[in-house]
C-alpha atoms as a PDB file:
ATOM      1  CA  MET A   1      -7.661  53.751  -4.268  1.00  0.00           C
ATOM      2  CA  LYS A   2      -6.036  53.457  -7.895  1.00  0.00           C
ATOM      3  CA  GLU A   3      -6.753  50.443  -9.821  1.00  0.00           C
ATOM      4  CA  PHE A   4      -2.685  50.027 -10.631  1.00  0.00           C
ATOM      5  CA  GLU A   5       1.172  50.710  -9.574  1.00  0.00           C
ATOM      6  CA  ILE A   6       3.393  51.664 -11.367  1.00  0.00           C
ATOM      7  CA  GLU A   7       6.073  49.718 -10.263  1.00  0.00           C
ATOM      8  CA  HIS A   8       8.808  51.091 -12.744  1.00  0.00           C
ATOM      9  CA  MET A   9       9.208  54.019 -15.276  1.00  0.00           C
ATOM     10  CA  ILE A  10      11.953  54.534 -18.273  1.00  0.00           C
ATOM     11  CA  ILE A  11      12.403  57.562 -20.109  1.00  0.00           C
ATOM     12  CA  ASP A  12      13.820  56.542 -23.633  1.00  0.00           C
ATOM     13  CA  ASP A  13      15.220  59.178 -25.809  1.00  0.00           C
ATOM     14  CA  GLY A  14      16.374  56.175 -28.615  1.00  0.00           C
ATOM     15  CA  PHE A  15      13.007  54.835 -29.472  1.00  0.00           C
ATOM     16  CA  ASP A  16      12.234  54.933 -32.938  1.00  0.00           C
ATOM     17  CA  GLY A  17      14.024  58.141 -33.304  1.00  0.00           C
ATOM     18  CA  GLU A  18      11.312  59.854 -30.778  1.00  0.00           C
ATOM     19  CA  GLU A  19      11.458  59.798 -27.209  1.00  0.00           C
ATOM     20  CA  CYS A  20       9.076  57.368 -25.379  1.00  0.00           C
ATOM     21  CA  VAL A  21       8.174  56.787 -21.678  1.00  0.00           C
ATOM     22  CA  THR A  22       7.664  52.846 -20.661  1.00  0.00           C
ATOM     23  CA  ALA A  23       5.936  52.307 -17.369  1.00  0.00           C
ATOM     24  CA  ASP A  24       5.620  48.737 -15.573  1.00  0.00           C
ATOM     25  CA  PHE A  25       2.482  48.184 -13.675  1.00  0.00           C
ATOM     26  CA  THR A  26       0.268  45.886 -11.629  1.00  0.00           C
ATOM     27  CA  HIS A  27      -3.035  45.747 -12.293  1.00  0.00           C
ATOM     28  CA  SER A  28      -5.842  42.996 -11.008  1.00  0.00           C
ATOM     29  CA  ASN A  29      -2.542  41.042  -9.747  1.00  0.00           C
ATOM     30  CA  LYS A  30      -1.088  40.722 -13.330  1.00  0.00           C
ATOM     31  CA  GLU A  31       1.956  42.679 -14.736  1.00  0.00           C
ATOM     32  CA  TYR A  32       2.016  44.906 -17.461  1.00  0.00           C
ATOM     33  CA  SER A  33       4.410  47.258 -19.640  1.00  0.00           C
ATOM     34  CA  ILE A  34       2.972  50.139 -20.995  1.00  0.00           C
ATOM     35  CA  THR A  35       4.837  52.743 -23.962  1.00  0.00           C
ATOM     36  CA  PHE A  36       3.430  56.354 -24.703  1.00  0.00           C
ATOM     37  CA  LYS A  37       4.929  58.879 -26.866  1.00  0.00           C
ATOM     38  CA  LYS A  38       7.020  61.368 -24.666  1.00  0.00           C
ATOM     39  CA  SER A  39       5.780  64.569 -26.736  1.00  0.00           C
ATOM     40  CA  ASP A  40       2.189  63.781 -26.570  1.00  0.00           C
ATOM     41  CA  LEU A  41       1.523  60.539 -24.687  1.00  0.00           C
ATOM     42  CA  GLU A  42       0.091  58.724 -27.618  1.00  0.00           C
ATOM     43  CA  LEU A  43      -0.105  55.038 -26.987  1.00  0.00           C
ATOM     44  CA  ILE A  44       2.631  53.308 -28.577  1.00  0.00           C
ATOM     45  CA  ASN A  45       1.853  49.340 -27.178  1.00  0.00           C
ATOM     46  CA  ALA A  46       1.077  47.321 -24.029  1.00  0.00           C
ATOM     47  CA  TRP A  47       1.514  44.296 -23.281  1.00  0.00           C
ATOM     48  CA  VAL A  48       0.802  41.585 -20.349  1.00  0.00           C
ATOM     49  CA  PHE A  49       3.453  39.477 -18.899  1.00  0.00           C
ATOM     50  CA  GLU A  50       1.865  35.561 -18.406  1.00  0.00           C
ATOM     51  CA  ASN A  51       3.538  32.104 -18.073  1.00  0.00           C
ATOM     52  CA  GLU A  52       7.159  33.922 -18.797  1.00  0.00           C
ATOM     53  CA  THR A  53       5.957  35.507 -21.893  1.00  0.00           C
ATOM     54  CA  SER A  54       4.428  38.931 -23.136  1.00  0.00           C
ATOM     55  CA  LEU A  55       1.473  39.095 -24.725  1.00  0.00           C
ATOM     56  CA  PRO A  56      -0.440  42.518 -26.450  1.00  0.00           C
ATOM     57  CA  ALA A  57      -2.758  43.563 -23.361  1.00  0.00           C
ATOM     58  CA  ASN A  58      -6.247  44.641 -23.822  1.00  0.00           C
ATOM     59  CA  LEU A  59      -6.403  47.410 -21.703  1.00  0.00           C
ATOM     60  CA  SER A  60      -9.346  49.686 -21.317  1.00  0.00           C
ATOM     61  CA  GLU A  61      -9.305  53.075 -22.107  1.00  0.00           C
ATOM     62  CA  ASN A  62     -10.430  54.644 -18.655  1.00  0.00           C
ATOM     63  CA  LEU A  63      -7.111  52.675 -17.692  1.00  0.00           C
ATOM     64  CA  VAL A  64      -5.201  53.862 -20.036  1.00  0.00           C
ATOM     65  CA  GLU A  65      -6.243  57.401 -19.809  1.00  0.00           C
ATOM     66  CA  SER A  66      -5.283  56.701 -15.774  1.00  0.00           C
ATOM     67  CA  LEU A  67      -2.037  55.954 -16.559  1.00  0.00           C
ATOM     68  CA  ARG A  68      -1.687  58.454 -18.872  1.00  0.00           C
ATOM     69  CA  ASP A  69      -2.231  60.615 -16.371  1.00  0.00           C
ATOM     70  CA  GLU A  70      -0.291  59.352 -13.678  1.00  0.00           C
ATOM     71  CA  VAL A  71       2.951  59.067 -16.224  1.00  0.00           C
ATOM     72  CA  ARG A  72       2.232  62.888 -17.128  1.00  0.00           C
ATOM     73  CA  LYS A  73       2.884  63.934 -13.441  1.00  0.00           C
ATOM     74  CA  GLN A  74       5.855  61.835 -12.947  1.00  0.00           C
ATOM     75  CA  ILE A  75       7.670  63.491 -16.131  1.00  0.00           C
END
């Protein structure tokens, strides 16, 4: 069983002149958003949504790798 579920994914070709992939997902009953460069899936940023605001997310390296693998499969 996966520890997260991707709810929505966007491939954007206009972010800072480089294509990126943003995935919104749930993990531990919280909503998150993570953005990777599309070319090599390098992490750009990650946010957690709490109390109607977004804060930088502190995600484990294992979770980021799992998300990267899932994004790779979907693009």
